[in-house]
């Protein structure tokens, strides 16, 4: 099953695809060093990673990481 964020990554430029794939690998491996990560205040287990004008939202529950969304900044929090 292809998720919406995977479809969105396929629409990005090649440079952005490479960067987001690297970021997703780091998130899944829990290597958060050198990533701009902040906890989303109104959500208990959700965090965001900022890359230029795009955001990746992920959750960590019992040490399991789920990527929820990757979207432009102005649409991600809706």
PDB file of N, CA and C in Angstrom:
ATOM      1  N   UNK A   1       0.835  -1.178   0.000  1.00  0.00           N
ATOM      2  CA  UNK A   1       0.000   0.000   0.000  1.00  0.00           C
ATOM      3  C   UNK A   1       0.883   1.245   0.000  1.00  0.00           C
ATOM      4  N   UNK A   2       0.670   2.105  -0.963  1.00  0.00           N
ATOM      5  CA  UNK A   2       1.455   3.332  -1.071  1.00  0.00           C
ATOM      6  C   UNK A   2       0.752   4.417  -0.273  1.00  0.00           C
ATOM      7  N   UNK A   3       1.494   5.035   0.605  1.00  0.00           N
ATOM      8  CA  UNK A   3       0.934   6.097   1.436  1.00  0.00           C
ATOM      9  C   UNK A   3       1.018   7.422   0.707  1.00  0.00           C
ATOM     10  N   UNK A   4       0.248   8.404   1.169  1.00  0.00           N
ATOM     11  CA  UNK A   4       0.192   9.719   0.529  1.00  0.00           C
ATOM     12  C   UNK A   4       1.560  10.399   0.535  1.00  0.00           C
ATOM     13  N   UNK A   5       2.327  10.222   1.625  1.00  0.00           N
ATOM     14  CA  UNK A   5       3.634  10.872   1.682  1.00  0.00           C
ATOM     15  C   UNK A   5       4.604  10.244   0.685  1.00  0.00           C
ATOM     16  N   UNK A   6       4.439   8.961   0.383  1.00  0.00           N
ATOM     17  CA  UNK A   6       5.298   8.318  -0.612  1.00  0.00           C
ATOM     18  C   UNK A   6       4.988   8.854  -2.012  1.00  0.00           C
ATOM     19  N   UNK A   7       3.722   9.091  -2.294  1.00  0.00           N
ATOM     20  CA  UNK A   7       3.340   9.683  -3.573  1.00  0.00           C
ATOM     21  C   UNK A   7       3.887  11.101  -3.686  1.00  0.00           C
ATOM     22  N   UNK A   8       3.847  11.827  -2.573  1.00  0.00           N
ATOM     23  CA  UNK A   8       4.351  13.203  -2.582  1.00  0.00           C
ATOM     24  C   UNK A   8       5.852  13.234  -2.852  1.00  0.00           C
ATOM     25  N   UNK A   9       6.598  12.317  -2.270  1.00  0.00           N
ATOM     26  CA  UNK A   9       8.046  12.266  -2.505  1.00  0.00           C
ATOM     27  C   UNK A   9       8.345  12.000  -3.976  1.00  0.00           C
ATOM     28  N   UNK A  10       7.555  11.154  -4.611  1.00  0.00           N
ATOM     29  CA  UNK A  10       7.773  10.855  -6.032  1.00  0.00           C
ATOM     30  C   UNK A  10       7.583  12.077  -6.921  1.00  0.00           C
ATOM     31  N   UNK A  11       6.844  13.074  -6.457  1.00  0.00           N
ATOM     32  CA  UNK A  11       6.609  14.292  -7.243  1.00  0.00           C
ATOM     33  C   UNK A  11       7.709  15.332  -7.061  1.00  0.00           C
ATOM     34  N   UNK A  12       8.594  15.124  -6.106  1.00  0.00           N
ATOM     35  CA  UNK A  12       9.652  16.093  -5.821  1.00  0.00           C
ATOM     36  C   UNK A  12      10.772  16.001  -6.848  1.00  0.00           C
ATOM     37  N   UNK A  13      11.634  17.011  -6.839  1.00  0.00           N
ATOM     38  CA  UNK A  13      12.802  16.981  -7.714  1.00  0.00           C
ATOM     39  C   UNK A  13      13.761  15.896  -7.225  1.00  0.00           C
ATOM     40  N   UNK A  14      14.695  15.515  -8.068  1.00  0.00           N
ATOM     41  CA  UNK A  14      15.633  14.450  -7.709  1.00  0.00           C
ATOM     42  C   UNK A  14      16.444  14.797  -6.468  1.00  0.00           C
ATOM     43  N   UNK A  15      16.866  16.051  -6.364  1.00  0.00           N
ATOM     44  CA  UNK A  15      17.650  16.483  -5.207  1.00  0.00           C
ATOM     45  C   UNK A  15      16.830  16.346  -3.922  1.00  0.00           C
ATOM     46  N   UNK A  16      15.564  16.775  -3.975  1.00  0.00           N
ATOM     47  CA  UNK A  16      14.703  16.679  -2.797  1.00  0.00           C
ATOM     48  C   UNK A  16      14.376  15.222  -2.454  1.00  0.00           C
ATOM     49  N   UNK A  17      14.212  14.381  -3.466  1.00  0.00           N
ATOM     50  CA  UNK A  17      13.958  12.957  -3.220  1.00  0.00           C
ATOM     51  C   UNK A  17      15.100  12.330  -2.440  1.00  0.00           C
ATOM     52  N   UNK A  18      16.312  12.604  -2.856  1.00  0.00           N
ATOM     53  CA  UNK A  18      17.489  12.041  -2.196  1.00  0.00           C
ATOM     54  C   UNK A  18      17.554  12.518  -0.747  1.00  0.00           C
ATOM     55  N   UNK A  19      17.316  13.798  -0.530  1.00  0.00           N
ATOM     56  CA  UNK A  19      17.388  14.348   0.822  1.00  0.00           C
ATOM     57  C   UNK A  19      16.318  13.740   1.712  1.00  0.00           C
ATOM     58  N   UNK A  20      15.074  13.641   1.223  1.00  0.00           N
ATOM     59  CA  UNK A  20      14.008  13.088   2.047  1.00  0.00           C
ATOM     60  C   UNK A  20      14.185  11.598   2.293  1.00  0.00           C
ATOM     61  N   UNK A  21      14.708  10.879   1.342  1.00  0.00           N
ATOM     62  CA  UNK A  21      14.967   9.446   1.577  1.00  0.00           C
ATOM     63  C   UNK A  21      16.033   9.258   2.654  1.00  0.00           C
ATOM     64  N   UNK A  22      17.056  10.122   2.636  1.00  0.00           N
ATOM     65  CA  UNK A  22      18.078  10.064   3.688  1.00  0.00           C
ATOM     66  C   UNK A  22      17.484  10.401   5.049  1.00  0.00           C
ATOM     67  N   UNK A  23      16.609  11.397   5.082  1.00  0.00           N
ATOM     68  CA  UNK A  23      15.985  11.796   6.339  1.00  0.00           C
ATOM     69  C   UNK A  23      15.093  10.676   6.864  1.00  0.00           C
ATOM     70  N   UNK A  24      14.328  10.053   5.988  1.00  0.00           N
ATOM     71  CA  UNK A  24      13.460   8.950   6.406  1.00  0.00           C
ATOM     72  C   UNK A  24      14.286   7.789   6.952  1.00  0.00           C
ATOM     73  N   UNK A  25      15.403   7.490   6.300  1.00  0.00           N
ATOM     74  CA  UNK A  25      16.286   6.429   6.811  1.00  0.00           C
ATOM     75  C   UNK A  25      16.792   6.770   8.207  1.00  0.00           C
ATOM     76  N   UNK A  26      17.202   8.040   8.414  1.00  0.00           N
ATOM     77  CA  UNK A  26      17.693   8.447   9.724  1.00  0.00           C
ATOM     78  C   UNK A  26      16.604   8.346  10.781  1.00  0.00           C
ATOM     79  N   UNK A  27      15.385   8.749  10.417  1.00  0.00           N
ATOM     80  CA  UNK A  27      14.281   8.685  11.373  1.00  0.00           C
ATOM     81  C   UNK A  27      14.000   7.241  11.754  1.00  0.00           C
ATOM     82  N   UNK A  28      13.928   6.360  10.767  1.00  0.00           N
ATOM     83  CA  UNK A  28      13.632   4.953  11.043  1.00  0.00           C
ATOM     84  C   UNK A  28      14.722   4.307  11.885  1.00  0.00           C
ATOM     85  N   UNK A  29      15.976   4.683  11.640  1.00  0.00           N
ATOM     86  CA  UNK A  29      17.092   4.141  12.420  1.00  0.00           C
ATOM     87  C   UNK A  29      17.297   4.874  13.740  1.00  0.00           C
ATOM     88  N   UNK A  30      16.445   5.876  14.012  1.00  0.00           N
ATOM     89  CA  UNK A  30      16.502   6.691  15.229  1.00  0.00           C
ATOM     90  C   UNK A  30      17.831   7.423  15.375  1.00  0.00           C
ATOM     91  N   UNK A  31      18.382   7.857  14.249  1.00  0.00           N
ATOM     92  CA  UNK A  31      19.605   8.656  14.220  1.00  0.00           C
ATOM     93  C   UNK A  31      19.189  10.111  14.025  1.00  0.00           C
ATOM     94  N   UNK A  32      18.823  10.779  15.131  1.00  0.00           N
ATOM     95  CA  UNK A  32      18.261  12.116  15.054  1.00  0.00           C
ATOM     96  C   UNK A  32      19.307  13.222  15.060  1.00  0.00           C
ATOM     97  N   UNK A  33      20.572  12.852  15.041  1.00  0.00           N
ATOM     98  CA  UNK A  33      21.635  13.844  15.050  1.00  0.00           C
ATOM     99  C   UNK A  33      21.623  14.636  13.746  1.00  0.00           C
ATOM    100  N   UNK A  34      21.816  15.924  13.834  1.00  0.00           N
ATOM    101  CA  UNK A  34      21.851  16.860  12.706  1.00  0.00           C
ATOM    102  C   UNK A  34      20.509  17.001  11.991  1.00  0.00           C
ATOM    103  N   UNK A  35      19.421  16.647  12.644  1.00  0.00           N
ATOM    104  CA  UNK A  35      18.091  16.879  12.087  1.00  0.00           C
ATOM    105  C   UNK A  35      17.399  17.946  12.921  1.00  0.00           C
ATOM    106  N   UNK A  36      16.632  18.792  12.272  1.00  0.00           N
ATOM    107  CA  UNK A  36      15.878  19.843  12.964  1.00  0.00           C
ATOM    108  C   UNK A  36      14.544  19.250  13.409  1.00  0.00           C
ATOM    109  N   UNK A  37      14.551  18.635  14.594  1.00  0.00           N
ATOM    110  CA  UNK A  37      13.376  17.944  15.107  1.00  0.00           C
ATOM    111  C   UNK A  37      12.821  18.704  16.304  1.00  0.00           C
ATOM    112  N   UNK A  38      11.494  18.852  16.303  1.00  0.00           N
ATOM    113  CA  UNK A  38      10.797  19.418  17.450  1.00  0.00           C
ATOM    114  C   UNK A  38       9.534  18.609  17.691  1.00  0.00           C
ATOM    115  N   UNK A  39       9.155  18.529  18.954  1.00  0.00           N
ATOM    116  CA  UNK A  39       7.905  17.847  19.297  1.00  0.00           C
ATOM    117  C   UNK A  39       6.740  18.764  18.966  1.00  0.00           C
ATOM    118  N   UNK A  40       5.678  18.199  18.434  1.00  0.00           N
ATOM    119  CA  UNK A  40       4.470  18.973  18.164  1.00  0.00           C
ATOM    120  C   UNK A  40       3.754  19.136  19.498  1.00  0.00           C
ATOM    121  N   UNK A  41       3.510  20.376  19.874  1.00  0.00           N
ATOM    122  CA  UNK A  41       3.065  20.692  21.229  1.00  0.00           C
ATOM    123  C   UNK A  41       1.726  20.042  21.568  1.00  0.00           C
ATOM    124  N   UNK A  42       0.779  20.081  20.668  1.00  0.00           N
ATOM    125  CA  UNK A  42      -0.553  19.571  20.983  1.00  0.00           C
ATOM    126  C   UNK A  42      -0.702  18.059  20.748  1.00  0.00           C
ATOM    127  N   UNK A  43       0.353  17.411  20.351  1.00  0.00           N
ATOM    128  CA  UNK A  43       0.348  15.953  20.162  1.00  0.00           C
ATOM    129  C   UNK A  43       1.396  15.343  21.090  1.00  0.00           C
ATOM    130  N   UNK A  44       1.062  14.254  21.730  1.00  0.00           N
ATOM    131  CA  UNK A  44       1.961  13.691  22.731  1.00  0.00           C
ATOM    132  C   UNK A  44       3.165  12.974  22.132  1.00  0.00           C
ATOM    133  N   UNK A  45       2.963  12.178  21.088  1.00  0.00           N
ATOM    134  CA  UNK A  45       4.040  11.345  20.553  1.00  0.00           C
ATOM    135  C   UNK A  45       4.474  11.743  19.151  1.00  0.00           C
ATOM    136  N   UNK A  46       4.080  12.917  18.681  1.00  0.00           N
ATOM    137  CA  UNK A  46       4.388  13.315  17.311  1.00  0.00           C
ATOM    138  C   UNK A  46       5.478  14.380  17.281  1.00  0.00           C
ATOM    139  N   UNK A  47       6.322  14.253  16.263  1.00  0.00           N
ATOM    140  CA  UNK A  47       7.442  15.155  16.077  1.00  0.00           C
ATOM    141  C   UNK A  47       7.469  15.607  14.629  1.00  0.00           C
ATOM    142  N   UNK A  48       8.175  16.700  14.384  1.00  0.00           N
ATOM    143  CA  UNK A  48       8.330  17.156  13.012  1.00  0.00           C
ATOM    144  C   UNK A  48       9.800  17.374  12.704  1.00  0.00           C
ATOM    145  N   UNK A  49      10.143  17.152  11.443  1.00  0.00           N
ATOM    146  CA  UNK A  49      11.484  17.433  10.934  1.00  0.00           C
ATOM    147  C   UNK A  49      11.317  18.503   9.877  1.00  0.00           C
ATOM    148  N   UNK A  50      12.094  19.547   9.971  1.00  0.00           N
ATOM    149  CA  UNK A  50      12.003  20.656   9.019  1.00  0.00           C
ATOM    150  C   UNK A  50      13.111  20.540   7.982  1.00  0.00           C
ATOM    151  N   UNK A  51      12.727  20.609   6.714  1.00  0.00           N
ATOM    152  CA  UNK A  51      13.667  20.637   5.602  1.00  0.00           C
ATOM    153  C   UNK A  51      13.168  21.693   4.634  1.00  0.00           C
ATOM    154  N   UNK A  52      13.893  22.770   4.539  1.00  0.00           N
ATOM    155  CA  UNK A  52      13.489  23.926   3.720  1.00  0.00           C
ATOM    156  C   UNK A  52      12.061  24.323   4.045  1.00  0.00           C
ATOM    157  N   UNK A  53      11.178  24.330   3.060  1.00  0.00           N
ATOM    158  CA  UNK A  53       9.788  24.717   3.310  1.00  0.00           C
ATOM    159  C   UNK A  53       8.882  23.489   3.432  1.00  0.00           C
ATOM    160  N   UNK A  54       9.453  22.340   3.708  1.00  0.00           N
ATOM    161  CA  UNK A  54       8.687  21.105   3.828  1.00  0.00           C
ATOM    162  C   UNK A  54       8.842  20.559   5.246  1.00  0.00           C
ATOM    163  N   UNK A  55       7.847  19.780   5.659  1.00  0.00           N
ATOM    164  CA  UNK A  55       7.881  19.163   6.986  1.00  0.00           C
ATOM    165  C   UNK A  55       7.572  17.680   6.872  1.00  0.00           C
ATOM    166  N   UNK A  56       8.229  16.899   7.682  1.00  0.00           N
ATOM    167  CA  UNK A  56       7.930  15.477   7.818  1.00  0.00           C
ATOM    168  C   UNK A  56       7.436  15.268   9.241  1.00  0.00           C
ATOM    169  N   UNK A  57       6.239  14.705   9.366  1.00  0.00           N
ATOM    170  CA  UNK A  57       5.650  14.441  10.671  1.00  0.00           C
ATOM    171  C   UNK A  57       5.767  12.943  10.935  1.00  0.00           C
ATOM    172  N   UNK A  58       6.257  12.598  12.115  1.00  0.00           N
ATOM    173  CA  UNK A  58       6.353  11.188  12.484  1.00  0.00           C
ATOM    174  C   UNK A  58       5.987  11.022  13.944  1.00  0.00           C
ATOM    175  N   UNK A  59       5.613   9.803  14.306  1.00  0.00           N
ATOM    176  CA  UNK A  59       5.275   9.509  15.687  1.00  0.00           C
ATOM    177  C   UNK A  59       6.166   8.388  16.199  1.00  0.00           C
ATOM    178  N   UNK A  60       6.415   8.418  17.489  1.00  0.00           N
ATOM    179  CA  UNK A  60       7.205   7.377  18.147  1.00  0.00           C
ATOM    180  C   UNK A  60       6.347   6.805  19.267  1.00  0.00           C
ATOM    181  N   UNK A  61       5.975   5.536  19.116  1.00  0.00           N
ATOM    182  CA  UNK A  61       5.179   4.852  20.134  1.00  0.00           C
ATOM    183  C   UNK A  61       5.896   3.550  20.470  1.00  0.00           C
ATOM    184  N   UNK A  62       6.264   3.415  21.737  1.00  0.00           N
ATOM    185  CA  UNK A  62       6.991   2.225  22.208  1.00  0.00           C
ATOM    186  C   UNK A  62       8.226   1.944  21.349  1.00  0.00           C
ATOM    187  N   UNK A  63       8.966   2.966  21.047  1.00  0.00           N
ATOM    188  CA  UNK A  63      10.194   2.896  20.254  1.00  0.00           C
ATOM    189  C   UNK A  63       9.956   2.475  18.805  1.00  0.00           C
ATOM    190  N   UNK A  64       8.713   2.474  18.366  1.00  0.00           N
ATOM    191  CA  UNK A  64       8.401   2.196  16.970  1.00  0.00           C
ATOM    192  C   UNK A  64       8.102   3.526  16.280  1.00  0.00           C
ATOM    193  N   UNK A  65       8.721   3.743  15.126  1.00  0.00           N
ATOM    194  CA  UNK A  65       8.592   5.003  14.406  1.00  0.00           C
ATOM    195  C   UNK A  65       7.668   4.819  13.210  1.00  0.00           C
ATOM    196  N   UNK A  66       6.686   5.717  13.082  1.00  0.00           N
ATOM    197  CA  UNK A  66       5.778   5.733  11.935  1.00  0.00           C
ATOM    198  C   UNK A  66       5.841   7.100  11.266  1.00  0.00           C
ATOM    199  N   UNK A  67       6.113   7.127   9.982  1.00  0.00           N
ATOM    200  CA  UNK A  67       6.075   8.377   9.223  1.00  0.00           C
ATOM    201  C   UNK A  67       4.609   8.641   8.908  1.00  0.00           C
ATOM    202  N   UNK A  68       4.110   9.815   9.269  1.00  0.00           N
ATOM    203  CA  UNK A  68       2.708  10.135   9.054  1.00  0.00           C
ATOM    204  C   UNK A  68       2.481  10.983   7.802  1.00  0.00           C
ATOM    205  N   UNK A  69       3.251  12.060   7.669  1.00  0.00           N
ATOM    206  CA  UNK A  69       3.051  12.974   6.549  1.00  0.00           C
ATOM    207  C   UNK A  69       4.373  13.583   6.123  1.00  0.00           C
ATOM    208  N   UNK A  70       4.459  13.910   4.849  1.00  0.00           N
ATOM    209  CA  UNK A  70       5.512  14.795   4.333  1.00  0.00           C
ATOM    210  C   UNK A  70       4.789  15.737   3.394  1.00  0.00           C
ATOM    211  N   UNK A  71       4.866  17.000   3.711  1.00  0.00           N
ATOM    212  CA  UNK A  71       4.057  17.964   2.979  1.00  0.00           C
ATOM    213  C   UNK A  71       4.687  19.349   3.081  1.00  0.00           C
ATOM    214  N   UNK A  72       4.258  20.308   2.246  1.00  0.00           N
ATOM    215  CA  UNK A  72       4.737  21.686   2.403  1.00  0.00           C
ATOM    216  C   UNK A  72       4.310  22.260   3.758  1.00  0.00           C
ATOM    217  N   UNK A  73       5.057  23.202   4.227  1.00  0.00           N
ATOM    218  CA  UNK A  73       4.848  23.782   5.562  1.00  0.00           C
ATOM    219  C   UNK A  73       3.441  24.333   5.726  1.00  0.00           C
ATOM    220  N   UNK A  74       2.912  24.998   4.721  1.00  0.00           N
ATOM    221  CA  UNK A  74       1.615  25.675   4.852  1.00  0.00           C
ATOM    222  C   UNK A  74       0.437  24.694   4.858  1.00  0.00           C
ATOM    223  N   UNK A  75       0.634  23.433   4.506  1.00  0.00           N
ATOM    224  CA  UNK A  75      -0.467  22.461   4.492  1.00  0.00           C
ATOM    225  C   UNK A  75      -0.331  21.351   5.530  1.00  0.00           C
ATOM    226  N   UNK A  76       0.789  21.234   6.169  1.00  0.00           N
ATOM    227  CA  UNK A  76       1.063  20.049   7.000  1.00  0.00           C
ATOM    228  C   UNK A  76       0.242  19.993   8.273  1.00  0.00           C
ATOM    229  N   UNK A  77      -0.038  21.120   8.885  1.00  0.00           N
ATOM    230  CA  UNK A  77      -0.680  21.105  10.203  1.00  0.00           C
ATOM    231  C   UNK A  77      -2.191  21.168  10.127  1.00  0.00           C
ATOM    232  N   UNK A  78      -2.758  21.075   8.956  1.00  0.00           N
ATOM    233  CA  UNK A  78      -4.220  21.156   8.817  1.00  0.00           C
ATOM    234  C   UNK A  78      -4.871  19.854   9.177  1.00  0.00           C
TER     235      UNK A  78
END
